[in-house]
Amino acid sequence: MGKLNRSRNLSDADDIYAALIAAHEGLSDEESTALNARLILTLFNHIGDADVIGEALEVATLAGQQERHKAL
């Protein structure tokens, strides 16, 4: 059973973000959503630990809820 690494773990985060944005260029909203789903499933498979994935889902869900709360 692993634990989600929440510390900065990317040496070139800006380049990775740029690559993600570039991968979406020219895609429709539907195609972009499908790409995100495939990417998430690929990364889930790479992680391979249901507890870590569950923790990541909780963190992402709570962050989204906090963002919505701030917008009110």
C-alpha atoms as a PDB file:
ATOM      1  CA  MET A   1       0.000   0.000   0.000  1.00  0.00           C
ATOM      2  CA  GLY A   2       1.557   3.256  -1.160  1.00  0.00           C
ATOM      3  CA  LYS A   3       0.989   6.858  -0.255  1.00  0.00           C
ATOM      4  CA  LEU A   4       0.324   9.706  -2.645  1.00  0.00           C
ATOM      5  CA  ASN A   5       3.408  11.883  -3.170  1.00  0.00           C
ATOM      6  CA  ARG A   6       2.128  15.445  -2.842  1.00  0.00           C
ATOM      7  CA  SER A   7       5.574  17.066  -2.982  1.00  0.00           C
ATOM      8  CA  ARG A   8       6.806  18.627  -6.209  1.00  0.00           C
ATOM      9  CA  ASN A   9       8.162  15.695  -8.196  1.00  0.00           C
ATOM     10  CA  LEU A  10       8.710  17.159 -11.676  1.00  0.00           C
ATOM     11  CA  SER A  11      11.971  18.805 -12.653  1.00  0.00           C
ATOM     12  CA  ASP A  12      10.484  20.373 -15.787  1.00  0.00           C
ATOM     13  CA  ALA A  13       6.834  20.955 -14.916  1.00  0.00           C
ATOM     14  CA  ASP A  14       6.464  23.867 -17.342  1.00  0.00           C
ATOM     15  CA  ASP A  15       7.634  21.737 -20.278  1.00  0.00           C
ATOM     16  CA  ILE A  16       5.307  18.903 -19.301  1.00  0.00           C
ATOM     17  CA  TYR A  17       2.380  21.332 -19.003  1.00  0.00           C
ATOM     18  CA  ALA A  18       3.232  22.754 -22.435  1.00  0.00           C
ATOM     19  CA  ALA A  19       3.282  19.221 -23.880  1.00  0.00           C
ATOM     20  CA  LEU A  20      -0.144  18.541 -22.367  1.00  0.00           C
ATOM     21  CA  ILE A  21      -1.565  21.721 -23.858  1.00  0.00           C
ATOM     22  CA  ALA A  22       0.031  20.938 -27.233  1.00  0.00           C
ATOM     23  CA  ALA A  23      -1.534  17.460 -27.209  1.00  0.00           C
ATOM     24  CA  HIS A  24      -4.961  19.136 -27.040  1.00  0.00           C
ATOM     25  CA  GLU A  25      -4.351  21.602 -29.870  1.00  0.00           C
ATOM     26  CA  GLY A  26      -6.830  21.210 -32.697  1.00  0.00           C
ATOM     27  CA  LEU A  27      -9.055  18.786 -30.785  1.00  0.00           C
ATOM     28  CA  SER A  28     -12.758  19.289 -30.305  1.00  0.00           C
ATOM     29  CA  ASP A  29     -14.083  19.410 -26.736  1.00  0.00           C
ATOM     30  CA  GLU A  30     -15.182  15.791 -27.099  1.00  0.00           C
ATOM     31  CA  GLU A  31     -11.790  14.685 -28.429  1.00  0.00           C
ATOM     32  CA  SER A  32     -10.020  16.620 -25.670  1.00  0.00           C
ATOM     33  CA  THR A  33     -12.175  14.964 -22.995  1.00  0.00           C
ATOM     34  CA  ALA A  34     -11.441  11.547 -24.499  1.00  0.00           C
ATOM     35  CA  LEU A  35      -7.697  12.296 -24.528  1.00  0.00           C
ATOM     36  CA  ASN A  36      -7.844  13.287 -20.862  1.00  0.00           C
ATOM     37  CA  ALA A  37      -9.705  10.077 -20.011  1.00  0.00           C
ATOM     38  CA  ARG A  38      -7.143   7.933 -21.851  1.00  0.00           C
ATOM     39  CA  LEU A  39      -4.292   9.783 -20.166  1.00  0.00           C
ATOM     40  CA  ILE A  40      -5.824   9.346 -16.716  1.00  0.00           C
ATOM     41  CA  LEU A  41      -6.428   5.632 -17.262  1.00  0.00           C
ATOM     42  CA  THR A  42      -2.874   5.206 -18.578  1.00  0.00           C
ATOM     43  CA  LEU A  43      -1.453   6.925 -15.500  1.00  0.00           C
ATOM     44  CA  PHE A  44      -3.736   4.931 -13.165  1.00  0.00           C
ATOM     45  CA  ASN A  45      -2.383   1.767 -14.748  1.00  0.00           C
ATOM     46  CA  HIS A  46       1.174   3.019 -14.274  1.00  0.00           C
ATOM     47  CA  ILE A  47       0.541   3.833 -10.592  1.00  0.00           C
ATOM     48  CA  GLY A  48      -1.094   0.461 -10.087  1.00  0.00           C
ATOM     49  CA  ASP A  49      -2.059   1.109  -6.460  1.00  0.00           C
ATOM     50  CA  ALA A  50      -5.773   1.548  -5.729  1.00  0.00           C
ATOM     51  CA  ASP A  51      -5.072   3.305  -2.416  1.00  0.00           C
ATOM     52  CA  VAL A  52      -2.824   5.905  -4.049  1.00  0.00           C
ATOM     53  CA  ILE A  53      -5.324   6.436  -6.866  1.00  0.00           C
ATOM     54  CA  GLY A  54      -8.144   6.783  -4.330  1.00  0.00           C
ATOM     55  CA  GLU A  55      -6.155   9.357  -2.388  1.00  0.00           C
ATOM     56  CA  ALA A  56      -5.435  11.288  -5.592  1.00  0.00           C
ATOM     57  CA  LEU A  57      -9.130  11.280  -6.470  1.00  0.00           C
ATOM     58  CA  GLU A  58      -9.985  12.609  -3.004  1.00  0.00           C
ATOM     59  CA  VAL A  59      -7.387  15.394  -3.271  1.00  0.00           C
ATOM     60  CA  ALA A  60      -8.620  16.409  -6.723  1.00  0.00           C
ATOM     61  CA  THR A  61     -12.273  16.284  -5.659  1.00  0.00           C
ATOM     62  CA  LEU A  62     -11.671  18.425  -2.569  1.00  0.00           C
ATOM     63  CA  ALA A  63      -9.658  20.942  -4.593  1.00  0.00           C
ATOM     64  CA  GLY A  64     -12.533  21.253  -7.054  1.00  0.00           C
ATOM     65  CA  GLN A  65     -15.026  21.749  -4.240  1.00  0.00           C
ATOM     66  CA  GLN A  66     -12.833  24.460  -2.695  1.00  0.00           C
ATOM     67  CA  GLU A  67     -12.580  26.244  -6.055  1.00  0.00           C
ATOM     68  CA  ARG A  68     -16.363  26.170  -6.475  1.00  0.00           C
ATOM     69  CA  HIS A  69     -16.818  27.472  -2.929  1.00  0.00           C
ATOM     70  CA  LYS A  70     -14.437  30.397  -3.600  1.00  0.00           C
ATOM     71  CA  ALA A  71     -16.433  31.319  -6.718  1.00  0.00           C
ATOM     72  CA  LEU A  72     -19.616  31.749  -4.677  1.00  0.00           C
END
